[in-house]
Amino acid sequence: MSFVLQEFVHFVLPSCSRVCGSNAQQPIILIQPKTQFTVFGATVSNVTIVIIVAALIFAVLTDFAINRTKFGRGIRAVAQIRPPRR
């Protein structure tokens, strides 16, 4: 939902800035997008590579936290509790 709202604001903001004035915060660009290679006609940029690597790292860290820590064991135990029958 956060991404939907963010993109909606980016879509509406240019038309609103003409009427309301431009006082919106400019986006922070950490990496300048550059095409690294193409796969089946689709270009892959360095930003895409960073996103994929970060997603994989966070997936591995989440798996480790859920399956190998005491906190993760507690989360799994609470998730497996069945509600009482009426």
N, C-alpha and C. Protein backbone atom coordinates (compact mmCIF):
# COMPACT_ATOMS: atom_id res chain seq x y z
N MET A 1 0.83 -1.18 0.00
CA MET A 1 0.00 0.00 0.00
C MET A 1 0.87 1.25 0.00
N SER A 2 2.03 1.15 0.67
CA SER A 2 2.94 2.28 0.71
C SER A 2 3.41 2.66 -0.70
N PHE A 3 3.73 1.66 -1.51
CA PHE A 3 4.18 1.94 -2.87
C PHE A 3 3.06 2.54 -3.70
N VAL A 4 1.83 2.08 -3.51
CA VAL A 4 0.70 2.62 -4.26
C VAL A 4 0.52 4.10 -3.92
N LEU A 5 0.54 4.42 -2.63
CA LEU A 5 0.39 5.82 -2.22
C LEU A 5 1.55 6.67 -2.74
N GLN A 6 2.74 6.14 -2.69
CA GLN A 6 3.90 6.88 -3.14
C GLN A 6 3.80 7.17 -4.64
N GLU A 7 3.44 6.19 -5.43
CA GLU A 7 3.31 6.39 -6.86
C GLU A 7 2.15 7.32 -7.19
N PHE A 8 1.07 7.24 -6.41
CA PHE A 8 -0.04 8.16 -6.61
C PHE A 8 0.40 9.60 -6.40
N VAL A 9 1.18 9.84 -5.34
CA VAL A 9 1.68 11.19 -5.07
C VAL A 9 2.60 11.64 -6.19
N HIS A 10 3.45 10.76 -6.69
CA HIS A 10 4.35 11.12 -7.80
C HIS A 10 3.56 11.42 -9.07
N PHE A 11 2.41 10.78 -9.23
CA PHE A 11 1.57 11.02 -10.40
C PHE A 11 0.83 12.35 -10.28
N VAL A 12 0.33 12.66 -9.06
CA VAL A 12 -0.48 13.85 -8.84
C VAL A 12 0.37 15.10 -8.62
N LEU A 13 1.54 14.94 -8.05
CA LEU A 13 2.36 16.08 -7.65
C LEU A 13 2.70 17.04 -8.79
N PRO A 14 3.08 16.58 -9.97
CA PRO A 14 3.41 17.56 -11.02
C PRO A 14 2.25 18.50 -11.35
N SER A 15 1.03 17.99 -11.41
CA SER A 15 -0.10 18.86 -11.70
C SER A 15 -0.42 19.76 -10.51
N CYS A 16 -0.21 19.26 -9.31
CA CYS A 16 -0.48 20.05 -8.11
C CYS A 16 0.59 21.13 -7.91
N SER A 17 1.82 20.87 -8.31
CA SER A 17 2.90 21.84 -8.07
C SER A 17 2.71 23.10 -8.88
N ARG A 18 2.02 23.01 -10.03
CA ARG A 18 1.75 24.21 -10.83
C ARG A 18 0.76 25.12 -10.09
N VAL A 19 -0.19 24.51 -9.38
CA VAL A 19 -1.22 25.27 -8.68
C VAL A 19 -0.76 25.67 -7.28
N CYS A 20 -0.19 24.71 -6.55
CA CYS A 20 0.14 24.92 -5.14
C CYS A 20 1.53 25.50 -4.92
N GLY A 21 2.38 25.43 -5.90
CA GLY A 21 3.77 25.83 -5.71
C GLY A 21 4.62 24.59 -5.46
N SER A 22 5.88 24.66 -5.77
CA SER A 22 6.74 23.49 -5.65
C SER A 22 7.52 23.54 -4.35
N ASN A 23 6.98 22.93 -3.30
CA ASN A 23 7.69 22.85 -2.04
C ASN A 23 7.90 21.41 -1.62
N ALA A 24 7.74 20.47 -2.55
CA ALA A 24 7.90 19.06 -2.25
C ALA A 24 9.38 18.72 -2.13
N GLN A 25 9.68 17.75 -1.28
CA GLN A 25 11.05 17.30 -1.11
C GLN A 25 11.48 16.53 -2.34
N GLN A 26 12.66 16.82 -2.82
CA GLN A 26 13.21 16.13 -3.98
C GLN A 26 13.68 14.74 -3.56
N PRO A 27 13.52 13.74 -4.44
CA PRO A 27 13.96 12.39 -4.07
C PRO A 27 15.47 12.30 -3.92
N ILE A 28 15.90 11.42 -3.04
CA ILE A 28 17.32 11.18 -2.82
C ILE A 28 17.74 10.06 -3.76
N ILE A 29 18.72 10.31 -4.59
CA ILE A 29 19.20 9.31 -5.53
C ILE A 29 20.57 8.84 -5.06
N LEU A 30 20.63 7.59 -4.58
CA LEU A 30 21.89 7.05 -4.08
C LEU A 30 22.74 6.45 -5.19
N ILE A 31 22.07 5.87 -6.19
CA ILE A 31 22.77 5.23 -7.30
C ILE A 31 22.22 5.77 -8.60
N GLN A 32 23.09 6.23 -9.46
CA GLN A 32 22.65 6.67 -10.77
C GLN A 32 22.38 5.44 -11.63
N PRO A 33 21.15 5.30 -12.16
CA PRO A 33 20.82 4.11 -12.96
C PRO A 33 21.64 4.07 -14.26
N LYS A 34 22.30 2.95 -14.47
CA LYS A 34 23.06 2.72 -15.70
C LYS A 34 22.77 1.31 -16.18
N THR A 35 22.56 1.14 -17.46
CA THR A 35 22.30 -0.18 -18.01
C THR A 35 23.57 -1.03 -17.93
N GLN A 36 23.43 -2.22 -17.35
CA GLN A 36 24.58 -3.11 -17.20
C GLN A 36 24.62 -4.14 -18.33
N PHE A 37 23.46 -4.75 -18.63
CA PHE A 37 23.38 -5.73 -19.71
C PHE A 37 21.91 -5.92 -20.09
N THR A 38 21.68 -6.69 -21.14
CA THR A 38 20.31 -6.97 -21.57
C THR A 38 20.07 -8.47 -21.53
N VAL A 39 18.82 -8.84 -21.19
CA VAL A 39 18.41 -10.24 -21.15
C VAL A 39 17.14 -10.35 -21.96
N PHE A 40 17.18 -11.07 -23.06
CA PHE A 40 16.03 -11.26 -23.95
C PHE A 40 15.40 -9.92 -24.33
N GLY A 41 16.22 -8.92 -24.58
CA GLY A 41 15.73 -7.62 -24.99
C GLY A 41 15.38 -6.68 -23.85
N ALA A 42 15.37 -7.15 -22.62
CA ALA A 42 15.08 -6.30 -21.47
C ALA A 42 16.39 -5.81 -20.87
N THR A 43 16.47 -4.52 -20.59
CA THR A 43 17.70 -3.99 -20.00
C THR A 43 17.70 -4.20 -18.49
N VAL A 44 18.86 -4.52 -17.97
CA VAL A 44 19.04 -4.72 -16.53
C VAL A 44 20.00 -3.64 -16.06
N SER A 45 19.52 -2.81 -15.12
CA SER A 45 20.35 -1.71 -14.62
C SER A 45 21.02 -2.11 -13.30
N ASN A 46 21.95 -1.27 -12.89
CA ASN A 46 22.63 -1.53 -11.63
C ASN A 46 21.66 -1.42 -10.45
N VAL A 47 20.61 -0.61 -10.57
CA VAL A 47 19.61 -0.49 -9.51
C VAL A 47 18.85 -1.81 -9.36
N THR A 48 18.52 -2.43 -10.48
CA THR A 48 17.82 -3.72 -10.45
C THR A 48 18.68 -4.78 -9.76
N ILE A 49 19.95 -4.78 -10.05
CA ILE A 49 20.87 -5.75 -9.44
C ILE A 49 20.94 -5.53 -7.93
N VAL A 50 21.02 -4.28 -7.49
CA VAL A 50 21.06 -3.97 -6.06
C VAL A 50 19.78 -4.43 -5.38
N ILE A 51 18.63 -4.20 -6.01
CA ILE A 51 17.35 -4.60 -5.43
C ILE A 51 17.27 -6.12 -5.28
N ILE A 52 17.69 -6.86 -6.30
CA ILE A 52 17.64 -8.32 -6.25
C ILE A 52 18.58 -8.86 -5.19
N VAL A 53 19.79 -8.33 -5.12
CA VAL A 53 20.76 -8.79 -4.11
C VAL A 53 20.25 -8.48 -2.69
N ALA A 54 19.71 -7.28 -2.49
CA ALA A 54 19.19 -6.92 -1.17
C ALA A 54 18.01 -7.81 -0.79
N ALA A 55 17.13 -8.11 -1.74
CA ALA A 55 15.99 -8.98 -1.45
C ALA A 55 16.45 -10.37 -1.05
N LEU A 56 17.45 -10.90 -1.74
CA LEU A 56 17.98 -12.22 -1.40
C LEU A 56 18.63 -12.22 -0.01
N ILE A 57 19.38 -11.18 0.30
CA ILE A 57 20.02 -11.09 1.61
C ILE A 57 18.97 -11.02 2.71
N PHE A 58 17.94 -10.19 2.52
CA PHE A 58 16.88 -10.09 3.53
C PHE A 58 16.09 -11.38 3.66
N ALA A 59 15.90 -12.09 2.56
CA ALA A 59 15.19 -13.38 2.64
C ALA A 59 15.99 -14.39 3.46
N VAL A 60 17.29 -14.44 3.24
CA VAL A 60 18.15 -15.36 3.99
C VAL A 60 18.18 -14.96 5.47
N LEU A 61 18.28 -13.67 5.76
CA LEU A 61 18.29 -13.23 7.15
C LEU A 61 16.96 -13.51 7.85
N THR A 62 15.86 -13.33 7.15
CA THR A 62 14.55 -13.63 7.72
C THR A 62 14.41 -15.12 8.00
N ASP A 63 14.84 -15.96 7.06
CA ASP A 63 14.80 -17.40 7.26
C ASP A 63 15.64 -17.80 8.47
N PHE A 64 16.82 -17.22 8.58
CA PHE A 64 17.68 -17.51 9.72
C PHE A 64 17.01 -17.09 11.03
N ALA A 65 16.43 -15.89 11.05
CA ALA A 65 15.81 -15.40 12.28
C ALA A 65 14.62 -16.25 12.69
N ILE A 66 13.81 -16.68 11.74
CA ILE A 66 12.61 -17.46 12.07
C ILE A 66 12.95 -18.90 12.45
N ASN A 67 13.91 -19.50 11.79
CA ASN A 67 14.19 -20.92 12.00
C ASN A 67 15.31 -21.22 12.98
N ARG A 68 16.13 -20.25 13.35
CA ARG A 68 17.29 -20.59 14.16
C ARG A 68 17.49 -19.73 15.40
N THR A 69 16.50 -18.93 15.76
CA THR A 69 16.64 -18.13 16.98
C THR A 69 15.49 -18.44 17.94
N LYS A 70 15.71 -18.09 19.20
CA LYS A 70 14.68 -18.31 20.21
C LYS A 70 13.44 -17.46 19.90
N PHE A 71 13.66 -16.24 19.45
CA PHE A 71 12.56 -15.36 19.07
C PHE A 71 11.75 -15.97 17.92
N GLY A 72 12.43 -16.52 16.93
CA GLY A 72 11.75 -17.17 15.81
C GLY A 72 10.96 -18.39 16.26
N ARG A 73 11.52 -19.14 17.19
CA ARG A 73 10.80 -20.30 17.74
C ARG A 73 9.52 -19.84 18.42
N GLY A 74 9.59 -18.73 19.13
CA GLY A 74 8.39 -18.18 19.77
C GLY A 74 7.35 -17.74 18.76
N ILE A 75 7.78 -17.13 17.68
CA ILE A 75 6.85 -16.72 16.63
C ILE A 75 6.16 -17.94 16.03
N ARG A 76 6.93 -18.98 15.75
CA ARG A 76 6.34 -20.19 15.18
C ARG A 76 5.40 -20.87 16.16
N ALA A 77 5.73 -20.85 17.45
CA ALA A 77 4.86 -21.48 18.45
C ALA A 77 3.53 -20.74 18.55
N VAL A 78 3.56 -19.44 18.54
CA VAL A 78 2.32 -18.66 18.62
C VAL A 78 1.49 -18.87 17.35
N ALA A 79 2.15 -18.98 16.23
CA ALA A 79 1.42 -19.18 14.97
C ALA A 79 0.75 -20.54 14.92
N GLN A 80 1.26 -21.52 15.66
CA GLN A 80 0.71 -22.88 15.61
C GLN A 80 -0.35 -23.15 16.66
N ILE A 81 -0.59 -22.19 17.57
CA ILE A 81 -1.60 -22.41 18.60
C ILE A 81 -2.98 -22.40 17.95
N ARG A 82 -3.74 -23.45 18.23
CA ARG A 82 -5.08 -23.53 17.67
C ARG A 82 -6.07 -22.82 18.59
N PRO A 83 -7.02 -22.11 18.02
CA PRO A 83 -8.03 -21.48 18.88
C PRO A 83 -8.92 -22.53 19.51
N PRO A 84 -9.44 -22.27 20.70
CA PRO A 84 -10.30 -23.27 21.37
C PRO A 84 -11.60 -23.45 20.59
N ARG A 85 -12.10 -24.70 20.62
CA ARG A 85 -13.37 -24.98 19.95
C ARG A 85 -14.51 -24.55 20.84
N ARG A 86 -15.58 -24.15 20.22
CA ARG A 86 -16.75 -23.71 20.98
C ARG A 86 -17.82 -24.76 20.93
